[in-house]
Amino acid sequence: MFYSKTKLKALGWSDADIAALPDRIKTGDFTLDDLIATAKEAVDKGIVEKGFGYWHRNSKGGDFIQYYAAYGAGFTMQLRTSWSSRRARSSTFTSSSAAL
């Protein structure tokens, strides 16, 4: 998990608290519920913008979506309007629907 030491410090975390976080994650002492609570606190205090308390990894894959949905998040999607993008979307949606 990646996290911002600067943002955690702004929340009042000590250097020791931040340094202990990786071990707390490994042992299960800091859970996804704790992550969401920390993100909500950061949003509520104005340390991060609403909608940016939790970010998924920076590479392809959809395995983060269920975490957003589990905590009631909505989704927005910007679609390109070029011919090639429409064709790719159509192909993707057709393939996905056929699999269901």
PDB file of N, CA and C in Angstrom:
ATOM      1  N   MET A   1       0.841  -1.169   0.000  1.00  0.00           N
ATOM      2  CA  MET A   1       0.000   0.000   0.000  1.00  0.00           C
ATOM      3  C   MET A   1       0.892   1.239   0.000  1.00  0.00           C
ATOM      4  N   PHE A   2       0.501   2.216  -0.791  1.00  0.00           N
ATOM      5  CA  PHE A   2       1.209   3.490  -0.817  1.00  0.00           C
ATOM      6  C   PHE A   2       0.413   4.493   0.010  1.00  0.00           C
ATOM      7  N   TYR A   3       1.099   5.383   0.677  1.00  0.00           N
ATOM      8  CA  TYR A   3       0.433   6.400   1.485  1.00  0.00           C
ATOM      9  C   TYR A   3       1.304   7.642   1.524  1.00  0.00           C
ATOM     10  N   SER A   4       0.699   8.761   1.883  1.00  0.00           N
ATOM     11  CA  SER A   4       1.414  10.023   1.940  1.00  0.00           C
ATOM     12  C   SER A   4       1.795  10.325   3.389  1.00  0.00           C
ATOM     13  N   LYS A   5       3.075  10.334   3.649  1.00  0.00           N
ATOM     14  CA  LYS A   5       3.545  10.684   4.999  1.00  0.00           C
ATOM     15  C   LYS A   5       3.149  12.118   5.341  1.00  0.00           C
ATOM     16  N   THR A   6       3.194  12.992   4.335  1.00  0.00           N
ATOM     17  CA  THR A   6       2.831  14.393   4.552  1.00  0.00           C
ATOM     18  C   THR A   6       1.369  14.516   4.990  1.00  0.00           C
ATOM     19  N   LYS A   7       0.486  13.771   4.320  1.00  0.00           N
ATOM     20  CA  LYS A   7      -0.942  13.827   4.665  1.00  0.00           C
ATOM     21  C   LYS A   7      -1.188  13.204   6.038  1.00  0.00           C
ATOM     22  N   LEU A   8      -0.501  12.111   6.348  1.00  0.00           N
ATOM     23  CA  LEU A   8      -0.662  11.491   7.670  1.00  0.00           C
ATOM     24  C   LEU A   8      -0.177  12.431   8.777  1.00  0.00           C
ATOM     25  N   LYS A   9       0.928  13.132   8.511  1.00  0.00           N
ATOM     26  CA  LYS A   9       1.414  14.112   9.502  1.00  0.00           C
ATOM     27  C   LYS A   9       0.393  15.233   9.698  1.00  0.00           C
ATOM     28  N   ALA A  10      -0.230  15.651   8.598  1.00  0.00           N
ATOM     29  CA  ALA A  10      -1.249  16.697   8.695  1.00  0.00           C
ATOM     30  C   ALA A  10      -2.449  16.221   9.522  1.00  0.00           C
ATOM     31  N   LEU A  11      -2.669  14.906   9.552  1.00  0.00           N
ATOM     32  CA  LEU A  11      -3.738  14.326  10.383  1.00  0.00           C
ATOM     33  C   LEU A  11      -3.323  14.191  11.845  1.00  0.00           C
ATOM     34  N   GLY A  12      -2.046  14.455  12.117  1.00  0.00           N
ATOM     35  CA  GLY A  12      -1.573  14.378  13.492  1.00  0.00           C
ATOM     36  C   GLY A  12      -0.811  13.107  13.817  1.00  0.00           C
ATOM     37  N   TRP A  13      -0.526  12.298  12.811  1.00  0.00           N
ATOM     38  CA  TRP A  13       0.258  11.082  13.050  1.00  0.00           C
ATOM     39  C   TRP A  13       1.700  11.467  13.382  1.00  0.00           C
ATOM     40  N   SER A  14       2.278  10.758  14.318  1.00  0.00           N
ATOM     41  CA  SER A  14       3.693  10.989  14.663  1.00  0.00           C
ATOM     42  C   SER A  14       4.583  10.234  13.675  1.00  0.00           C
ATOM     43  N   ASP A  15       5.871  10.572  13.668  1.00  0.00           N
ATOM     44  CA  ASP A  15       6.825   9.832  12.829  1.00  0.00           C
ATOM     45  C   ASP A  15       6.822   8.356  13.195  1.00  0.00           C
ATOM     46  N   ALA A  16       6.687   8.059  14.483  1.00  0.00           N
ATOM     47  CA  ALA A  16       6.660   6.663  14.940  1.00  0.00           C
ATOM     48  C   ALA A  16       5.404   5.948  14.427  1.00  0.00           C
ATOM     49  N   ASP A  17       4.263   6.631  14.461  1.00  0.00           N
ATOM     50  CA  ASP A  17       3.022   6.040  13.938  1.00  0.00           C
ATOM     51  C   ASP A  17       3.159   5.715  12.451  1.00  0.00           C
ATOM     52  N   ILE A  18       3.733   6.642  11.708  1.00  0.00           N
ATOM     53  CA  ILE A  18       3.906   6.447  10.268  1.00  0.00           C
ATOM     54  C   ILE A  18       4.890   5.314   9.998  1.00  0.00           C
ATOM     55  N   ALA A  19       5.984   5.286  10.741  1.00  0.00           N
ATOM     56  CA  ALA A  19       6.989   4.231  10.556  1.00  0.00           C
ATOM     57  C   ALA A  19       6.425   2.852  10.891  1.00  0.00           C
ATOM     58  N   ALA A  20       5.481   2.789  11.819  1.00  0.00           N
ATOM     59  CA  ALA A  20       4.897   1.507  12.239  1.00  0.00           C
ATOM     60  C   ALA A  20       3.804   1.019  11.287  1.00  0.00           C
ATOM     61  N   LEU A  21       3.327   1.877  10.401  1.00  0.00           N
ATOM     62  CA  LEU A  21       2.193   1.520   9.550  1.00  0.00           C
ATOM     63  C   LEU A  21       2.430   0.264   8.699  1.00  0.00           C
ATOM     64  N   PRO A  22       3.561   0.099   8.026  1.00  0.00           N
ATOM     65  CA  PRO A  22       3.743  -1.124   7.226  1.00  0.00           C
ATOM     66  C   PRO A  22       3.602  -2.407   8.056  1.00  0.00           C
ATOM     67  N   ASP A  23       4.156  -2.406   9.254  1.00  0.00           N
ATOM     68  CA  ASP A  23       4.030  -3.598  10.108  1.00  0.00           C
ATOM     69  C   ASP A  23       2.589  -3.782  10.581  1.00  0.00           C
ATOM     70  N   ARG A  24       1.895  -2.686  10.859  1.00  0.00           N
ATOM     71  CA  ARG A  24       0.491  -2.780  11.274  1.00  0.00           C
ATOM     72  C   ARG A  24      -0.363  -3.372  10.150  1.00  0.00           C
ATOM     73  N   ILE A  25      -0.030  -3.026   8.921  1.00  0.00           N
ATOM     74  CA  ILE A  25      -0.752  -3.576   7.772  1.00  0.00           C
ATOM     75  C   ILE A  25      -0.458  -5.074   7.656  1.00  0.00           C
ATOM     76  N   LYS A  26       0.810  -5.437   7.754  1.00  0.00           N
ATOM     77  CA  LYS A  26       1.201  -6.845   7.634  1.00  0.00           C
ATOM     78  C   LYS A  26       0.561  -7.732   8.694  1.00  0.00           C
ATOM     79  N   THR A  27       0.421  -7.216   9.897  1.00  0.00           N
ATOM     80  CA  THR A  27      -0.129  -8.026  10.985  1.00  0.00           C
ATOM     81  C   THR A  27      -1.653  -7.963  11.058  1.00  0.00           C
ATOM     82  N   GLY A  28      -2.258  -7.118  10.245  1.00  0.00           N
ATOM     83  CA  GLY A  28      -3.708  -6.989  10.254  1.00  0.00           C
ATOM     84  C   GLY A  28      -4.233  -6.031  11.307  1.00  0.00           C
ATOM     85  N   ASP A  29      -3.327  -5.311  11.947  1.00  0.00           N
ATOM     86  CA  ASP A  29      -3.734  -4.327  12.953  1.00  0.00           C
ATOM     87  C   ASP A  29      -4.311  -3.069  12.303  1.00  0.00           C
ATOM     88  N   PHE A  30      -3.942  -2.808  11.071  1.00  0.00           N
ATOM     89  CA  PHE A  30      -4.484  -1.690  10.295  1.00  0.00           C
ATOM     90  C   PHE A  30      -5.184  -2.313   9.102  1.00  0.00           C
ATOM     91  N   THR A  31      -6.512  -2.211   9.070  1.00  0.00           N
ATOM     92  CA  THR A  31      -7.324  -2.904   8.071  1.00  0.00           C
ATOM     93  C   THR A  31      -7.879  -1.936   7.035  1.00  0.00           C
ATOM     94  N   LEU A  32      -8.614  -2.493   6.089  1.00  0.00           N
ATOM     95  CA  LEU A  32      -9.269  -1.655   5.093  1.00  0.00           C
ATOM     96  C   LEU A  32     -10.246  -0.695   5.757  1.00  0.00           C
ATOM     97  N   ASP A  33     -10.919  -1.142   6.801  1.00  0.00           N
ATOM     98  CA  ASP A  33     -11.810  -0.237   7.537  1.00  0.00           C
ATOM     99  C   ASP A  33     -11.042   0.935   8.139  1.00  0.00           C
ATOM    100  N   ASP A  34      -9.834   0.669   8.646  1.00  0.00           N
ATOM    101  CA  ASP A  34      -8.995   1.748   9.184  1.00  0.00           C
ATOM    102  C   ASP A  34      -8.567   2.706   8.077  1.00  0.00           C
ATOM    103  N   LEU A  35      -8.241   2.146   6.915  1.00  0.00           N
ATOM    104  CA  LEU A  35      -7.852   2.974   5.769  1.00  0.00           C
ATOM    105  C   LEU A  35      -8.990   3.912   5.386  1.00  0.00           C
ATOM    106  N   ILE A  36     -10.206   3.367   5.317  1.00  0.00           N
ATOM    107  CA  ILE A  36     -11.362   4.173   4.938  1.00  0.00           C
ATOM    108  C   ILE A  36     -11.642   5.235   6.002  1.00  0.00           C
ATOM    109  N   ALA A  37     -11.528   4.866   7.267  1.00  0.00           N
ATOM    110  CA  ALA A  37     -11.742   5.838   8.359  1.00  0.00           C
ATOM    111  C   ALA A  37     -10.703   6.960   8.294  1.00  0.00           C
ATOM    112  N   THR A  38      -9.458   6.609   8.002  1.00  0.00           N
ATOM    113  CA  THR A  38      -8.388   7.595   7.887  1.00  0.00           C
ATOM    114  C   THR A  38      -8.646   8.510   6.691  1.00  0.00           C
ATOM    115  N   ALA A  39      -9.069   7.919   5.577  1.00  0.00           N
ATOM    116  CA  ALA A  39      -9.381   8.711   4.386  1.00  0.00           C
ATOM    117  C   ALA A  39     -10.540   9.668   4.668  1.00  0.00           C
ATOM    118  N   LYS A  40     -11.577   9.181   5.342  1.00  0.00           N
ATOM    119  CA  LYS A  40     -12.732  10.027   5.671  1.00  0.00           C
ATOM    120  C   LYS A  40     -12.304  11.177   6.584  1.00  0.00           C
ATOM    121  N   GLU A  41     -11.447  10.871   7.550  1.00  0.00           N
ATOM    122  CA  GLU A  41     -10.954  11.923   8.446  1.00  0.00           C
ATOM    123  C   GLU A  41     -10.186  12.986   7.653  1.00  0.00           C
ATOM    124  N   ALA A  42      -9.358  12.542   6.707  1.00  0.00           N
ATOM    125  CA  ALA A  42      -8.583  13.483   5.891  1.00  0.00           C
ATOM    126  C   ALA A  42      -9.496  14.364   5.045  1.00  0.00           C
ATOM    127  N   VAL A  43     -10.560  13.780   4.500  1.00  0.00           N
ATOM    128  CA  VAL A  43     -11.519  14.558   3.715  1.00  0.00           C
ATOM    129  C   VAL A  43     -12.261  15.536   4.626  1.00  0.00           C
ATOM    130  N   ASP A  44     -12.751  15.026   5.759  1.00  0.00           N
ATOM    131  CA  ASP A  44     -13.511  15.868   6.691  1.00  0.00           C
ATOM    132  C   ASP A  44     -12.704  17.059   7.201  1.00  0.00           C
ATOM    133  N   LYS A  45     -11.396  16.869   7.358  1.00  0.00           N
ATOM    134  CA  LYS A  45     -10.534  17.943   7.848  1.00  0.00           C
ATOM    135  C   LYS A  45      -9.985  18.820   6.727  1.00  0.00           C
ATOM    136  N   GLY A  46     -10.355  18.498   5.479  1.00  0.00           N
ATOM    137  CA  GLY A  46      -9.903  19.306   4.348  1.00  0.00           C
ATOM    138  C   GLY A  46      -8.459  19.060   3.943  1.00  0.00           C
ATOM    139  N   ILE A  47      -7.899  17.962   4.386  1.00  0.00           N
ATOM    140  CA  ILE A  47      -6.507  17.643   4.043  1.00  0.00           C
ATOM    141  C   ILE A  47      -6.420  17.086   2.628  1.00  0.00           C
ATOM    142  N   VAL A  48      -7.453  16.378   2.213  1.00  0.00           N
ATOM    143  CA  VAL A  48      -7.570  15.916   0.825  1.00  0.00           C
ATOM    144  C   VAL A  48      -8.973  16.243   0.335  1.00  0.00           C
ATOM    145  N   GLU A  49      -9.108  16.379  -0.981  1.00  0.00           N
ATOM    146  CA  GLU A  49     -10.406  16.669  -1.581  1.00  0.00           C
ATOM    147  C   GLU A  49     -11.326  15.463  -1.480  1.00  0.00           C
ATOM    148  N   LYS A  50     -12.618  15.729  -1.405  1.00  0.00           N
ATOM    149  CA  LYS A  50     -13.600  14.659  -1.424  1.00  0.00           C
ATOM    150  C   LYS A  50     -13.419  13.853  -2.707  1.00  0.00           C
ATOM    151  N   GLY A  51     -13.430  12.551  -2.572  1.00  0.00           N
ATOM    152  CA  GLY A  51     -13.229  11.680  -3.723  1.00  0.00           C
ATOM    153  C   GLY A  51     -11.785  11.266  -3.925  1.00  0.00           C
ATOM    154  N   PHE A  52     -10.872  11.821  -3.113  1.00  0.00           N
ATOM    155  CA  PHE A  52      -9.455  11.505  -3.273  1.00  0.00           C
ATOM    156  C   PHE A  52      -8.824  10.970  -1.990  1.00  0.00           C
ATOM    157  N   GLY A  53      -9.642  10.446  -1.088  1.00  0.00           N
ATOM    158  CA  GLY A  53      -9.117   9.898   0.161  1.00  0.00           C
ATOM    159  C   GLY A  53      -8.452   8.556  -0.016  1.00  0.00           C
ATOM    160  N   TYR A  54      -8.863   7.853  -1.067  1.00  0.00           N
ATOM    161  CA  TYR A  54      -8.299   6.530  -1.353  1.00  0.00           C
ATOM    162  C   TYR A  54      -8.066   6.451  -2.844  1.00  0.00           C
ATOM    163  N   TRP A  55      -6.869   6.109  -3.237  1.00  0.00           N
ATOM    164  CA  TRP A  55      -6.538   5.950  -4.651  1.00  0.00           C
ATOM    165  C   TRP A  55      -6.064   4.533  -4.870  1.00  0.00           C
ATOM    166  N   HIS A  56      -6.456   3.980  -5.978  1.00  0.00           N
ATOM    167  CA  HIS A  56      -5.980   2.643  -6.330  1.00  0.00           C
ATOM    168  C   HIS A  56      -4.574   2.734  -6.910  1.00  0.00           C
ATOM    169  N   ARG A  57      -4.014   1.598  -7.205  1.00  0.00           N
ATOM    170  CA  ARG A  57      -2.665   1.574  -7.783  1.00  0.00           C
ATOM    171  C   ARG A  57      -2.641   2.291  -9.119  1.00  0.00           C
ATOM    172  N   ASN A  58      -1.456   2.571  -9.596  1.00  0.00           N
ATOM    173  CA  ASN A  58      -1.335   3.384 -10.815  1.00  0.00           C
ATOM    174  C   ASN A  58      -1.085   2.541 -12.065  1.00  0.00           C
ATOM    175  N   SER A  59      -1.570   1.325 -12.070  1.00  0.00           N
ATOM    176  CA  SER A  59      -1.417   0.486 -13.250  1.00  0.00           C
ATOM    177  C   SER A  59      -2.768  -0.128 -13.613  1.00  0.00           C
ATOM    178  N   LYS A  60      -2.828  -0.788 -14.765  1.00  0.00           N
ATOM    179  CA  LYS A  60      -4.079  -1.355 -15.247  1.00  0.00           C
ATOM    180  C   LYS A  60      -4.609  -2.440 -14.316  1.00  0.00           C
ATOM    181  N   GLY A  61      -5.910  -2.629 -14.363  1.00  0.00           N
ATOM    182  CA  GLY A  61      -6.551  -3.690 -13.599  1.00  0.00           C
ATOM    183  C   GLY A  61      -7.795  -3.188 -12.925  1.00  0.00           C
ATOM    184  N   GLY A  62      -8.723  -4.074 -12.703  1.00  0.00           N
ATOM    185  CA  GLY A  62      -9.989  -3.678 -12.123  1.00  0.00           C
ATOM    186  C   GLY A  62     -10.198  -4.179 -10.712  1.00  0.00           C
ATOM    187  N   ASP A  63      -9.176  -4.714 -10.096  1.00  0.00           N
ATOM    188  CA  ASP A  63      -9.388  -5.340  -8.790  1.00  0.00           C
ATOM    189  C   ASP A  63      -9.541  -4.359  -7.644  1.00  0.00           C
ATOM    190  N   PHE A  64      -9.513  -3.077  -7.924  1.00  0.00           N
ATOM    191  CA  PHE A  64      -9.740  -2.081  -6.876  1.00  0.00           C
ATOM    192  C   PHE A  64     -11.198  -1.640  -6.832  1.00  0.00           C
ATOM    193  N   ILE A  65     -11.940  -1.901  -7.885  1.00  0.00           N
ATOM    194  CA  ILE A  65     -13.302  -1.384  -7.991  1.00  0.00           C
ATOM    195  C   ILE A  65     -14.198  -1.888  -6.865  1.00  0.00           C
ATOM    196  N   GLN A  66     -14.052  -3.154  -6.485  1.00  0.00           N
ATOM    197  CA  GLN A  66     -14.918  -3.683  -5.429  1.00  0.00           C
ATOM    198  C   GLN A  66     -14.700  -2.967  -4.099  1.00  0.00           C
ATOM    199  N   TYR A  67     -13.517  -2.432  -3.861  1.00  0.00           N
ATOM    200  CA  TYR A  67     -13.275  -1.701  -2.615  1.00  0.00           C
ATOM    201  C   TYR A  67     -14.038  -0.379  -2.611  1.00  0.00           C
ATOM    202  N   TYR A  68     -14.036   0.305  -3.754  1.00  0.00           N
ATOM    203  CA  TYR A  68     -14.829   1.527  -3.852  1.00  0.00           C
ATOM    204  C   TYR A  68     -16.310   1.209  -3.642  1.00  0.00           C
ATOM    205  N   ALA A  69     -16.794   0.207  -4.359  1.00  0.00           N
ATOM    206  CA  ALA A  69     -18.221  -0.133  -4.295  1.00  0.00           C
ATOM    207  C   ALA A  69     -18.632  -0.600  -2.903  1.00  0.00           C
ATOM    208  N   ALA A  70     -17.771  -1.341  -2.216  1.00  0.00           N
ATOM    209  CA  ALA A  70     -18.094  -1.856  -0.882  1.00  0.00           C
ATOM    210  C   ALA A  70     -18.348  -0.743   0.121  1.00  0.00           C
ATOM    211  N   TYR A  71     -17.768   0.412  -0.133  1.00  0.00           N
ATOM    212  CA  TYR A  71     -17.940   1.538   0.780  1.00  0.00           C
ATOM    213  C   TYR A  71     -18.855   2.615   0.193  1.00  0.00           C
ATOM    214  N   GLY A  72     -19.648   2.235  -0.805  1.00  0.00           N
ATOM    215  CA  GLY A  72     -20.683   3.111  -1.311  1.00  0.00           C
ATOM    216  C   GLY A  72     -20.257   4.146  -2.328  1.00  0.00           C
ATOM    217  N   ALA A  73     -19.091   3.992  -2.912  1.00  0.00           N
ATOM    218  CA  ALA A  73     -18.611   4.981  -3.882  1.00  0.00           C
ATOM    219  C   ALA A  73     -19.340   4.829  -5.210  1.00  0.00           C
ATOM    220  N   GLY A  74     -19.486   5.947  -5.896  1.00  0.00           N
ATOM    221  CA  GLY A  74     -20.026   5.937  -7.242  1.00  0.00           C
ATOM    222  C   GLY A  74     -18.886   6.038  -8.231  1.00  0.00           C
ATOM    223  N   PHE A  75     -19.223   5.925  -9.493  1.00  0.00           N
ATOM    224  CA  PHE A  75     -18.190   5.949 -10.521  1.00  0.00           C
ATOM    225  C   PHE A  75     -18.579   6.934 -11.612  1.00  0.00           C
ATOM    226  N   THR A  76     -17.576   7.581 -12.152  1.00  0.00           N
ATOM    227  CA  THR A  76     -17.779   8.420 -13.329  1.00  0.00           C
ATOM    228  C   THR A  76     -16.793   7.959 -14.378  1.00  0.00           C
ATOM    229  N   MET A  77     -17.179   8.113 -15.619  1.00  0.00           N
ATOM    230  CA  MET A  77     -16.301   7.679 -16.688  1.00  0.00           C
ATOM    231  C   MET A  77     -16.387   8.696 -17.811  1.00  0.00           C
ATOM    232  N   GLN A  78     -15.246   9.143 -18.272  1.00  0.00           N
ATOM    233  CA  GLN A  78     -15.210  10.042 -19.413  1.00  0.00           C
ATOM    234  C   GLN A  78     -14.923   9.202 -20.646  1.00  0.00           C
ATOM    235  N   LEU A  79     -15.801   9.270 -21.607  1.00  0.00           N
ATOM    236  CA  LEU A  79     -15.630   8.490 -22.826  1.00  0.00           C
ATOM    237  C   LEU A  79     -15.150   9.386 -23.943  1.00  0.00           C
ATOM    238  N   ARG A  80     -14.220   8.882 -24.719  1.00  0.00           N
ATOM    239  CA  ARG A  80     -13.748   9.626 -25.891  1.00  0.00           C
ATOM    240  C   ARG A  80     -14.739   9.402 -27.022  1.00  0.00           C
ATOM    241  N   THR A  81     -14.781  10.342 -27.931  1.00  0.00           N
ATOM    242  CA  THR A  81     -15.762  10.242 -28.999  1.00  0.00           C
ATOM    243  C   THR A  81     -15.143   9.921 -30.355  1.00  0.00           C
ATOM    244  N   SER A  82     -13.872   9.640 -30.409  1.00  0.00           N
ATOM    245  CA  SER A  82     -13.266   9.320 -31.705  1.00  0.00           C
ATOM    246  C   SER A  82     -13.786   7.971 -32.195  1.00  0.00           C
ATOM    247  N   TRP A  83     -13.704   7.764 -33.492  1.00  0.00           N
ATOM    248  CA  TRP A  83     -14.186   6.520 -34.085  1.00  0.00           C
ATOM    249  C   TRP A  83     -13.505   5.320 -33.459  1.00  0.00           C
ATOM    250  N   SER A  84     -12.188   5.368 -33.279  1.00  0.00           N
ATOM    251  CA  SER A  84     -11.466   4.210 -32.745  1.00  0.00           C
ATOM    252  C   SER A  84     -11.890   3.921 -31.304  1.00  0.00           C
ATOM    253  N   SER A  85     -12.168   4.946 -30.519  1.00  0.00           N
ATOM    254  CA  SER A  85     -12.618   4.725 -29.147  1.00  0.00           C
ATOM    255  C   SER A  85     -14.006   4.097 -29.124  1.00  0.00           C
ATOM    256  N   ARG A  86     -14.911   4.585 -30.005  1.00  0.00           N
ATOM    257  CA  ARG A  86     -16.251   3.997 -30.063  1.00  0.00           C
ATOM    258  C   ARG A  86     -16.158   2.532 -30.456  1.00  0.00           C
ATOM    259  N   ARG A  87     -15.297   2.241 -31.393  1.00  0.00           N
ATOM    260  CA  ARG A  87     -15.135   0.864 -31.857  1.00  0.00           C
ATOM    261  C   ARG A  87     -14.594  -0.012 -30.727  1.00  0.00           C
ATOM    262  N   ALA A  88     -13.611   0.486 -29.985  1.00  0.00           N
ATOM    263  CA  ALA A  88     -13.031  -0.287 -28.876  1.00  0.00           C
ATOM    264  C   ALA A  88     -14.064  -0.519 -27.791  1.00  0.00           C
ATOM    265  N   ARG A  89     -14.841   0.507 -27.450  1.00  0.00           N
ATOM    266  CA  ARG A  89     -15.883   0.344 -26.424  1.00  0.00           C
ATOM    267  C   ARG A  89     -16.914  -0.666 -26.874  1.00  0.00           C
ATOM    268  N   SER A  90     -17.335  -0.558 -28.123  1.00  0.00           N
ATOM    269  CA  SER A  90     -18.348  -1.462 -28.646  1.00  0.00           C
ATOM    270  C   SER A  90     -17.847  -2.897 -28.583  1.00  0.00           C
ATOM    271  N   SER A  91     -16.612  -3.103 -28.977  1.00  0.00           N
ATOM    272  CA  SER A  91     -16.024  -4.436 -28.938  1.00  0.00           C
ATOM    273  C   SER A  91     -15.941  -4.958 -27.504  1.00  0.00           C
ATOM    274  N   THR A  92     -15.502  -4.101 -26.593  1.00  0.00           N
ATOM    275  CA  THR A  92     -15.373  -4.497 -25.190  1.00  0.00           C
ATOM    276  C   THR A  92     -16.731  -4.846 -24.605  1.00  0.00           C
ATOM    277  N   PHE A  93     -17.713  -3.968 -24.819  1.00  0.00           N
ATOM    278  CA  PHE A  93     -19.034  -4.205 -24.233  1.00  0.00           C
ATOM    279  C   PHE A  93     -19.689  -5.434 -24.857  1.00  0.00           C
ATOM    280  N   THR A  94     -19.508  -5.638 -26.161  1.00  0.00           N
ATOM    281  CA  THR A  94     -20.083  -6.806 -26.814  1.00  0.00           C
ATOM    282  C   THR A  94     -19.459  -8.069 -26.242  1.00  0.00           C
ATOM    283  N   SER A  95     -18.132  -8.067 -26.099  1.00  0.00           N
ATOM    284  CA  SER A  95     -17.459  -9.241 -25.557  1.00  0.00           C
ATOM    285  C   SER A  95     -17.898  -9.507 -24.123  1.00  0.00           C
ATOM    286  N   SER A  96     -17.989  -8.447 -23.330  1.00  0.00           N
ATOM    287  CA  SER A  96     -18.370  -8.604 -21.930  1.00  0.00           C
ATOM    288  C   SER A  96     -19.793  -9.127 -21.832  1.00  0.00           C
ATOM    289  N   SER A  97     -20.725  -8.579 -22.639  1.00  0.00           N
ATOM    290  CA  SER A  97     -22.093  -9.044 -22.522  1.00  0.00           C
ATOM    291  C   SER A  97     -22.230 -10.481 -22.984  1.00  0.00           C
ATOM    292  N   ALA A  98     -21.459 -10.869 -23.985  1.00  0.00           N
ATOM    293  CA  ALA A  98     -21.557 -12.244 -24.471  1.00  0.00           C
ATOM    294  C   ALA A  98     -21.084 -13.229 -23.415  1.00  0.00           C
ATOM    295  N   ALA A  99     -20.147 -12.795 -22.589  1.00  0.00           N
ATOM    296  CA  ALA A  99     -19.619 -13.685 -21.544  1.00  0.00           C
ATOM    297  C   ALA A  99     -20.622 -13.907 -20.421  1.00  0.00           C
ATOM    298  N   LEU A 100     -21.583 -12.982 -20.250  1.00  0.00           N
ATOM    299  CA  LEU A 100     -22.569 -13.106 -19.192  1.00  0.00           C
ATOM    300  C   LEU A 100     -23.633 -14.043 -19.629  1.00  0.00           C
TER     301      LEU A 100
END
